[in-house]
Amino acid sequence: MYLDGNLAVQCWQSEHLKWAFMIGLPSLVFWGLGIPFVAFYVLRNRSDQLDDENMKAKFGFLYEGYKVKAYYW
């Protein structure tokens, strides 16, 4: 298997592997851990405002349907 954009680069060998880990691994960490952590942080800091209409408009999709004491689930 070779990279479509450059047939001189063999897939999952030195050059391709380097780029896969430099781009892929940080992206997985960001999307898998970073986004959920930031959402939890925002909800935790504003937990007393969860009933506010402005808060519901911005972040309601994250906690609507959960009990008040378990908004972070």
PDB file of N, CA and C in Angstrom:
ATOM      1  N   MET A   1       0.838  -1.181   0.000  1.00  0.00           N
ATOM      2  CA  MET A   1       0.000   0.000   0.000  1.00  0.00           C
ATOM      3  C   MET A   1       0.880   1.240   0.000  1.00  0.00           C
ATOM      4  N   TYR A   2       0.481   2.184  -0.832  1.00  0.00           N
ATOM      5  CA  TYR A   2       1.227   3.428  -0.963  1.00  0.00           C
ATOM      6  C   TYR A   2       0.297   4.622  -0.822  1.00  0.00           C
ATOM      7  N   LEU A   3       0.842   5.736  -0.403  1.00  0.00           N
ATOM      8  CA  LEU A   3       0.092   6.970  -0.241  1.00  0.00           C
ATOM      9  C   LEU A   3      -0.366   7.467  -1.605  1.00  0.00           C
ATOM     10  N   ASP A   4      -1.651   7.787  -1.743  1.00  0.00           N
ATOM     11  CA  ASP A   4      -2.190   8.218  -3.032  1.00  0.00           C
ATOM     12  C   ASP A   4      -1.535   9.500  -3.536  1.00  0.00           C
ATOM     13  N   GLY A   5      -1.276  10.430  -2.671  1.00  0.00           N
ATOM     14  CA  GLY A   5      -0.686  11.702  -3.076  1.00  0.00           C
ATOM     15  C   GLY A   5       0.761  11.608  -3.502  1.00  0.00           C
ATOM     16  N   ASN A   6       1.475  10.601  -3.015  1.00  0.00           N
ATOM     17  CA  ASN A   6       2.891  10.432  -3.346  1.00  0.00           C
ATOM     18  C   ASN A   6       3.193   8.940  -3.304  1.00  0.00           C
ATOM     19  N   LEU A   7       3.280   8.334  -4.461  1.00  0.00           N
ATOM     20  CA  LEU A   7       3.457   6.889  -4.534  1.00  0.00           C
ATOM     21  C   LEU A   7       4.838   6.426  -4.079  1.00  0.00           C
ATOM     22  N   ALA A   8       5.721   7.363  -3.763  1.00  0.00           N
ATOM     23  CA  ALA A   8       7.034   7.002  -3.242  1.00  0.00           C
ATOM     24  C   ALA A   8       6.961   6.709  -1.741  1.00  0.00           C
ATOM     25  N   VAL A   9       5.859   7.082  -1.094  1.00  0.00           N
ATOM     26  CA  VAL A   9       5.702   6.894   0.356  1.00  0.00           C
ATOM     27  C   VAL A   9       4.874   5.634   0.594  1.00  0.00           C
ATOM     28  N   GLN A  10       5.506   4.674   1.239  1.00  0.00           N
ATOM     29  CA  GLN A  10       4.810   3.434   1.562  1.00  0.00           C
ATOM     30  C   GLN A  10       4.040   3.606   2.877  1.00  0.00           C
ATOM     31  N   CYS A  11       2.791   3.126   2.890  1.00  0.00           N
ATOM     32  CA  CYS A  11       1.935   3.300   4.064  1.00  0.00           C
ATOM     33  C   CYS A  11       2.492   2.569   5.275  1.00  0.00           C
ATOM     34  N   TRP A  12       2.357   3.214   6.422  1.00  0.00           N
ATOM     35  CA  TRP A  12       2.741   2.705   7.729  1.00  0.00           C
ATOM     36  C   TRP A  12       4.222   2.329   7.807  1.00  0.00           C
ATOM     37  N   GLN A  13       5.026   3.080   7.061  1.00  0.00           N
ATOM     38  CA  GLN A  13       6.479   2.982   7.167  1.00  0.00           C
ATOM     39  C   GLN A  13       6.990   4.324   7.688  1.00  0.00           C
ATOM     40  N   SER A  14       8.266   4.550   7.684  1.00  0.00           N
ATOM     41  CA  SER A  14       8.903   5.662   8.400  1.00  0.00           C
ATOM     42  C   SER A  14       8.214   7.019   8.223  1.00  0.00           C
ATOM     43  N   GLU A  15       8.124   7.541   7.013  1.00  0.00           N
ATOM     44  CA  GLU A  15       7.571   8.888   6.803  1.00  0.00           C
ATOM     45  C   GLU A  15       6.075   8.935   7.125  1.00  0.00           C
ATOM     46  N   HIS A  16       5.325   7.993   6.648  1.00  0.00           N
ATOM     47  CA  HIS A  16       3.880   7.965   6.890  1.00  0.00           C
ATOM     48  C   HIS A  16       3.586   7.738   8.371  1.00  0.00           C
ATOM     49  N   LEU A  17       4.317   6.877   9.007  1.00  0.00           N
ATOM     50  CA  LEU A  17       4.121   6.588  10.430  1.00  0.00           C
ATOM     51  C   LEU A  17       4.394   7.829  11.287  1.00  0.00           C
ATOM     52  N   LYS A  18       5.454   8.561  10.905  1.00  0.00           N
ATOM     53  CA  LYS A  18       5.791   9.787  11.634  1.00  0.00           C
ATOM     54  C   LYS A  18       4.634  10.779  11.564  1.00  0.00           C
ATOM     55  N   TRP A  19       4.082  11.014  10.385  1.00  0.00           N
ATOM     56  CA  TRP A  19       2.975  11.954  10.223  1.00  0.00           C
ATOM     57  C   TRP A  19       1.705  11.445  10.884  1.00  0.00           C
ATOM     58  N   ALA A  20       1.478  10.162  10.832  1.00  0.00           N
ATOM     59  CA  ALA A  20       0.283   9.601  11.457  1.00  0.00           C
ATOM     60  C   ALA A  20       0.298   9.845  12.965  1.00  0.00           C
ATOM     61  N   PHE A  21       1.444   9.691  13.591  1.00  0.00           N
ATOM     62  CA  PHE A  21       1.538   9.917  15.034  1.00  0.00           C
ATOM     63  C   PHE A  21       1.606  11.403  15.386  1.00  0.00           C
ATOM     64  N   MET A  22       2.205  12.226  14.522  1.00  0.00           N
ATOM     65  CA  MET A  22       2.282  13.663  14.808  1.00  0.00           C
ATOM     66  C   MET A  22       0.917  14.340  14.664  1.00  0.00           C
ATOM     67  N   ILE A  23       0.103  13.877  13.738  1.00  0.00           N
ATOM     68  CA  ILE A  23      -1.205  14.486  13.501  1.00  0.00           C
ATOM     69  C   ILE A  23      -2.317  13.670  14.160  1.00  0.00           C
ATOM     70  N   GLY A  24      -2.290  12.370  13.996  1.00  0.00           N
ATOM     71  CA  GLY A  24      -3.372  11.509  14.464  1.00  0.00           C
ATOM     72  C   GLY A  24      -3.476  11.402  15.971  1.00  0.00           C
ATOM     73  N   LEU A  25      -2.385  11.170  16.647  1.00  0.00           N
ATOM     74  CA  LEU A  25      -2.411  10.981  18.097  1.00  0.00           C
ATOM     75  C   LEU A  25      -2.854  12.247  18.845  1.00  0.00           C
ATOM     76  N   PRO A  26      -2.306  13.416  18.531  1.00  0.00           N
ATOM     77  CA  PRO A  26      -2.813  14.621  19.204  1.00  0.00           C
ATOM     78  C   PRO A  26      -4.290  14.888  18.895  1.00  0.00           C
ATOM     79  N   SER A  27      -4.727  14.577  17.698  1.00  0.00           N
ATOM     80  CA  SER A  27      -6.139  14.765  17.356  1.00  0.00           C
ATOM     81  C   SER A  27      -7.029  13.848  18.179  1.00  0.00           C
ATOM     82  N   LEU A  28      -6.623  12.610  18.348  1.00  0.00           N
ATOM     83  CA  LEU A  28      -7.398  11.678  19.167  1.00  0.00           C
ATOM     84  C   LEU A  28      -7.471  12.141  20.618  1.00  0.00           C
ATOM     85  N   VAL A  29      -6.360  12.629  21.133  1.00  0.00           N
ATOM     86  CA  VAL A  29      -6.340  13.122  22.515  1.00  0.00           C
ATOM     87  C   VAL A  29      -7.228  14.350  22.649  1.00  0.00           C
ATOM     88  N   PHE A  30      -7.141  15.258  21.687  1.00  0.00           N
ATOM     89  CA  PHE A  30      -7.945  16.484  21.729  1.00  0.00           C
ATOM     90  C   PHE A  30      -9.435  16.160  21.674  1.00  0.00           C
ATOM     91  N   TRP A  31      -9.863  15.373  20.706  1.00  0.00           N
ATOM     92  CA  TRP A  31     -11.283  15.062  20.543  1.00  0.00           C
ATOM     93  C   TRP A  31     -11.775  14.075  21.592  1.00  0.00           C
ATOM     94  N   GLY A  32     -10.952  13.161  22.012  1.00  0.00           N
ATOM     95  CA  GLY A  32     -11.378  12.140  22.968  1.00  0.00           C
ATOM     96  C   GLY A  32     -11.339  12.569  24.420  1.00  0.00           C
ATOM     97  N   LEU A  33     -10.421  13.455  24.772  1.00  0.00           N
ATOM     98  CA  LEU A  33     -10.283  13.899  26.152  1.00  0.00           C
ATOM     99  C   LEU A  33     -10.487  15.399  26.309  1.00  0.00           C
ATOM    100  N   GLY A  34      -9.973  16.182  25.395  1.00  0.00           N
ATOM    101  CA  GLY A  34     -10.015  17.634  25.527  1.00  0.00           C
ATOM    102  C   GLY A  34     -11.410  18.211  25.471  1.00  0.00           C
ATOM    103  N   ILE A  35     -12.181  17.865  24.470  1.00  0.00           N
ATOM    104  CA  ILE A  35     -13.531  18.403  24.319  1.00  0.00           C
ATOM    105  C   ILE A  35     -14.427  17.989  25.488  1.00  0.00           C
ATOM    106  N   PRO A  36     -14.468  16.704  25.883  1.00  0.00           N
ATOM    107  CA  PRO A  36     -15.297  16.355  27.046  1.00  0.00           C
ATOM    108  C   PRO A  36     -14.845  17.046  28.332  1.00  0.00           C
ATOM    109  N   PHE A  37     -13.537  17.213  28.528  1.00  0.00           N
ATOM    110  CA  PHE A  37     -13.044  17.887  29.726  1.00  0.00           C
ATOM    111  C   PHE A  37     -13.474  19.354  29.750  1.00  0.00           C
ATOM    112  N   VAL A  38     -13.380  20.032  28.631  1.00  0.00           N
ATOM    113  CA  VAL A  38     -13.787  21.436  28.563  1.00  0.00           C
ATOM    114  C   VAL A  38     -15.286  21.554  28.813  1.00  0.00           C
ATOM    115  N   ALA A  39     -16.082  20.663  28.250  1.00  0.00           N
ATOM    116  CA  ALA A  39     -17.534  20.688  28.484  1.00  0.00           C
ATOM    117  C   ALA A  39     -17.836  20.481  29.963  1.00  0.00           C
ATOM    118  N   PHE A  40     -17.168  19.521  30.588  1.00  0.00           N
ATOM    119  CA  PHE A  40     -17.370  19.289  32.020  1.00  0.00           C
ATOM    120  C   PHE A  40     -16.947  20.508  32.832  1.00  0.00           C
ATOM    121  N   TYR A  41     -15.834  21.107  32.477  1.00  0.00           N
ATOM    122  CA  TYR A  41     -15.325  22.275  33.188  1.00  0.00           C
ATOM    123  C   TYR A  41     -16.321  23.441  33.118  1.00  0.00           C
ATOM    124  N   VAL A  42     -16.851  23.687  31.930  1.00  0.00           N
ATOM    125  CA  VAL A  42     -17.814  24.779  31.764  1.00  0.00           C
ATOM    126  C   VAL A  42     -19.066  24.506  32.585  1.00  0.00           C
ATOM    127  N   LEU A  43     -19.591  23.286  32.518  1.00  0.00           N
ATOM    128  CA  LEU A  43     -20.792  22.960  33.279  1.00  0.00           C
ATOM    129  C   LEU A  43     -20.539  23.014  34.778  1.00  0.00           C
ATOM    130  N   ARG A  44     -19.394  22.559  35.203  1.00  0.00           N
ATOM    131  CA  ARG A  44     -19.062  22.552  36.626  1.00  0.00           C
ATOM    132  C   ARG A  44     -18.962  23.975  37.180  1.00  0.00           C
ATOM    133  N   ASN A  45     -18.328  24.861  36.414  1.00  0.00           N
ATOM    134  CA  ASN A  45     -18.172  26.241  36.871  1.00  0.00           C
ATOM    135  C   ASN A  45     -19.485  27.014  36.868  1.00  0.00           C
ATOM    136  N   ARG A  46     -20.419  26.590  36.044  1.00  0.00           N
ATOM    137  CA  ARG A  46     -21.707  27.288  35.946  1.00  0.00           C
ATOM    138  C   ARG A  46     -22.864  26.412  36.416  1.00  0.00           C
ATOM    139  N   SER A  47     -22.607  25.510  37.321  1.00  0.00           N
ATOM    140  CA  SER A  47     -23.638  24.566  37.761  1.00  0.00           C
ATOM    141  C   SER A  47     -24.802  25.256  38.460  1.00  0.00           C
ATOM    142  N   ASP A  48     -24.576  26.431  39.025  1.00  0.00           N
ATOM    143  CA  ASP A  48     -25.661  27.149  39.681  1.00  0.00           C
ATOM    144  C   ASP A  48     -26.542  27.908  38.684  1.00  0.00           C
ATOM    145  N   GLN A  49     -26.116  27.978  37.426  1.00  0.00           N
ATOM    146  CA  GLN A  49     -26.864  28.712  36.397  1.00  0.00           C
ATOM    147  C   GLN A  49     -27.524  27.791  35.379  1.00  0.00           C
ATOM    148  N   LEU A  50     -27.634  26.512  35.661  1.00  0.00           N
ATOM    149  CA  LEU A  50     -28.126  25.563  34.669  1.00  0.00           C
ATOM    150  C   LEU A  50     -29.583  25.812  34.278  1.00  0.00           C
ATOM    151  N   ASP A  51     -30.362  26.452  35.126  1.00  0.00           N
ATOM    152  CA  ASP A  51     -31.757  26.747  34.806  1.00  0.00           C
ATOM    153  C   ASP A  51     -31.929  28.061  34.047  1.00  0.00           C
ATOM    154  N   ASP A  52     -30.879  28.830  33.921  1.00  0.00           N
ATOM    155  CA  ASP A  52     -30.917  30.104  33.216  1.00  0.00           C
ATOM    156  C   ASP A  52     -31.169  29.862  31.724  1.00  0.00           C
ATOM    157  N   GLU A  53     -32.020  30.681  31.113  1.00  0.00           N
ATOM    158  CA  GLU A  53     -32.378  30.507  29.696  1.00  0.00           C
ATOM    159  C   GLU A  53     -31.174  30.688  28.771  1.00  0.00           C
ATOM    160  N   ASN A  54     -30.317  31.648  29.086  1.00  0.00           N
ATOM    161  CA  ASN A  54     -29.126  31.880  28.273  1.00  0.00           C
ATOM    162  C   ASN A  54     -28.190  30.667  28.326  1.00  0.00           C
ATOM    163  N   MET A  55     -28.035  30.099  29.513  1.00  0.00           N
ATOM    164  CA  MET A  55     -27.190  28.907  29.677  1.00  0.00           C
ATOM    165  C   MET A  55     -27.781  27.729  28.923  1.00  0.00           C
ATOM    166  N   LYS A  56     -29.102  27.560  29.011  1.00  0.00           N
ATOM    167  CA  LYS A  56     -29.755  26.466  28.283  1.00  0.00           C
ATOM    168  C   LYS A  56     -29.605  26.622  26.779  1.00  0.00           C
ATOM    169  N   ALA A  57     -29.652  27.849  26.305  1.00  0.00           N
ATOM    170  CA  ALA A  57     -29.513  28.088  24.872  1.00  0.00           C
ATOM    171  C   ALA A  57     -28.116  27.715  24.373  1.00  0.00           C
ATOM    172  N   LYS A  58     -27.105  27.985  25.187  1.00  0.00           N
ATOM    173  CA  LYS A  58     -25.726  27.704  24.780  1.00  0.00           C
ATOM    174  C   LYS A  58     -25.315  26.259  25.030  1.00  0.00           C
ATOM    175  N   PHE A  59     -25.625  25.738  26.233  1.00  0.00           N
ATOM    176  CA  PHE A  59     -25.082  24.450  26.642  1.00  0.00           C
ATOM    177  C   PHE A  59     -26.139  23.415  27.001  1.00  0.00           C
ATOM    178  N   GLY A  60     -27.400  23.729  26.774  1.00  0.00           N
ATOM    179  CA  GLY A  60     -28.474  22.826  27.168  1.00  0.00           C
ATOM    180  C   GLY A  60     -28.385  21.456  26.534  1.00  0.00           C
ATOM    181  N   PHE A  61     -27.842  21.369  25.316  1.00  0.00           N
ATOM    182  CA  PHE A  61     -27.718  20.075  24.643  1.00  0.00           C
ATOM    183  C   PHE A  61     -26.801  19.118  25.404  1.00  0.00           C
ATOM    184  N   LEU A  62     -25.965  19.649  26.286  1.00  0.00           N
ATOM    185  CA  LEU A  62     -25.054  18.810  27.056  1.00  0.00           C
ATOM    186  C   LEU A  62     -25.698  18.200  28.296  1.00  0.00           C
ATOM    187  N   TYR A  63     -26.726  18.859  28.844  1.00  0.00           N
ATOM    188  CA  TYR A  63     -27.260  18.384  30.120  1.00  0.00           C
ATOM    189  C   TYR A  63     -28.774  18.242  30.169  1.00  0.00           C
ATOM    190  N   GLU A  64     -29.485  18.647  29.133  1.00  0.00           N
ATOM    191  CA  GLU A  64     -30.938  18.472  29.133  1.00  0.00           C
ATOM    192  C   GLU A  64     -31.270  16.987  29.202  1.00  0.00           C
ATOM    193  N   GLY A  65     -32.230  16.648  30.009  1.00  0.00           N
ATOM    194  CA  GLY A  65     -32.637  15.257  30.154  1.00  0.00           C
ATOM    195  C   GLY A  65     -32.009  14.563  31.346  1.00  0.00           C
ATOM    196  N   TYR A  66     -31.012  15.180  31.949  1.00  0.00           N
ATOM    197  CA  TYR A  66     -30.380  14.612  33.131  1.00  0.00           C
ATOM    198  C   TYR A  66     -30.969  15.240  34.382  1.00  0.00           C
ATOM    199  N   LYS A  67     -30.847  14.561  35.490  1.00  0.00           N
ATOM    200  CA  LYS A  67     -31.276  15.133  36.755  1.00  0.00           C
ATOM    201  C   LYS A  67     -30.330  16.260  37.150  1.00  0.00           C
ATOM    202  N   VAL A  68     -30.824  17.177  37.955  1.00  0.00           N
ATOM    203  CA  VAL A  68     -30.032  18.359  38.334  1.00  0.00           C
ATOM    204  C   VAL A  68     -28.743  17.943  39.030  1.00  0.00           C
ATOM    205  N   LYS A  69     -28.800  16.951  39.877  1.00  0.00           N
ATOM    206  CA  LYS A  69     -27.597  16.530  40.604  1.00  0.00           C
ATOM    207  C   LYS A  69     -26.626  15.727  39.726  1.00  0.00           C
ATOM    208  N   ALA A  70     -27.061  15.270  38.558  1.00  0.00           N
ATOM    209  CA  ALA A  70     -26.205  14.470  37.685  1.00  0.00           C
ATOM    210  C   ALA A  70     -26.065  15.102  36.306  1.00  0.00           C
ATOM    211  N   TYR A  71     -25.961  16.423  36.249  1.00  0.00           N
ATOM    212  CA  TYR A  71     -25.881  17.142  34.977  1.00  0.00           C
ATOM    213  C   TYR A  71     -24.659  16.741  34.163  1.00  0.00           C
ATOM    214  N   TYR A  72     -23.607  16.301  34.819  1.00  0.00           N
ATOM    215  CA  TYR A  72     -22.332  15.992  34.151  1.00  0.00           C
ATOM    216  C   TYR A  72     -22.305  14.617  33.499  1.00  0.00           C
ATOM    217  N   TRP A  73     -23.305  13.794  33.735  1.00  0.00           N
ATOM    218  CA  TRP A  73     -23.314  12.474  33.117  1.00  0.00           C
ATOM    219  C   TRP A  73     -23.633  12.626  31.640  1.00  0.00           C
TER     220      TRP A  73
END
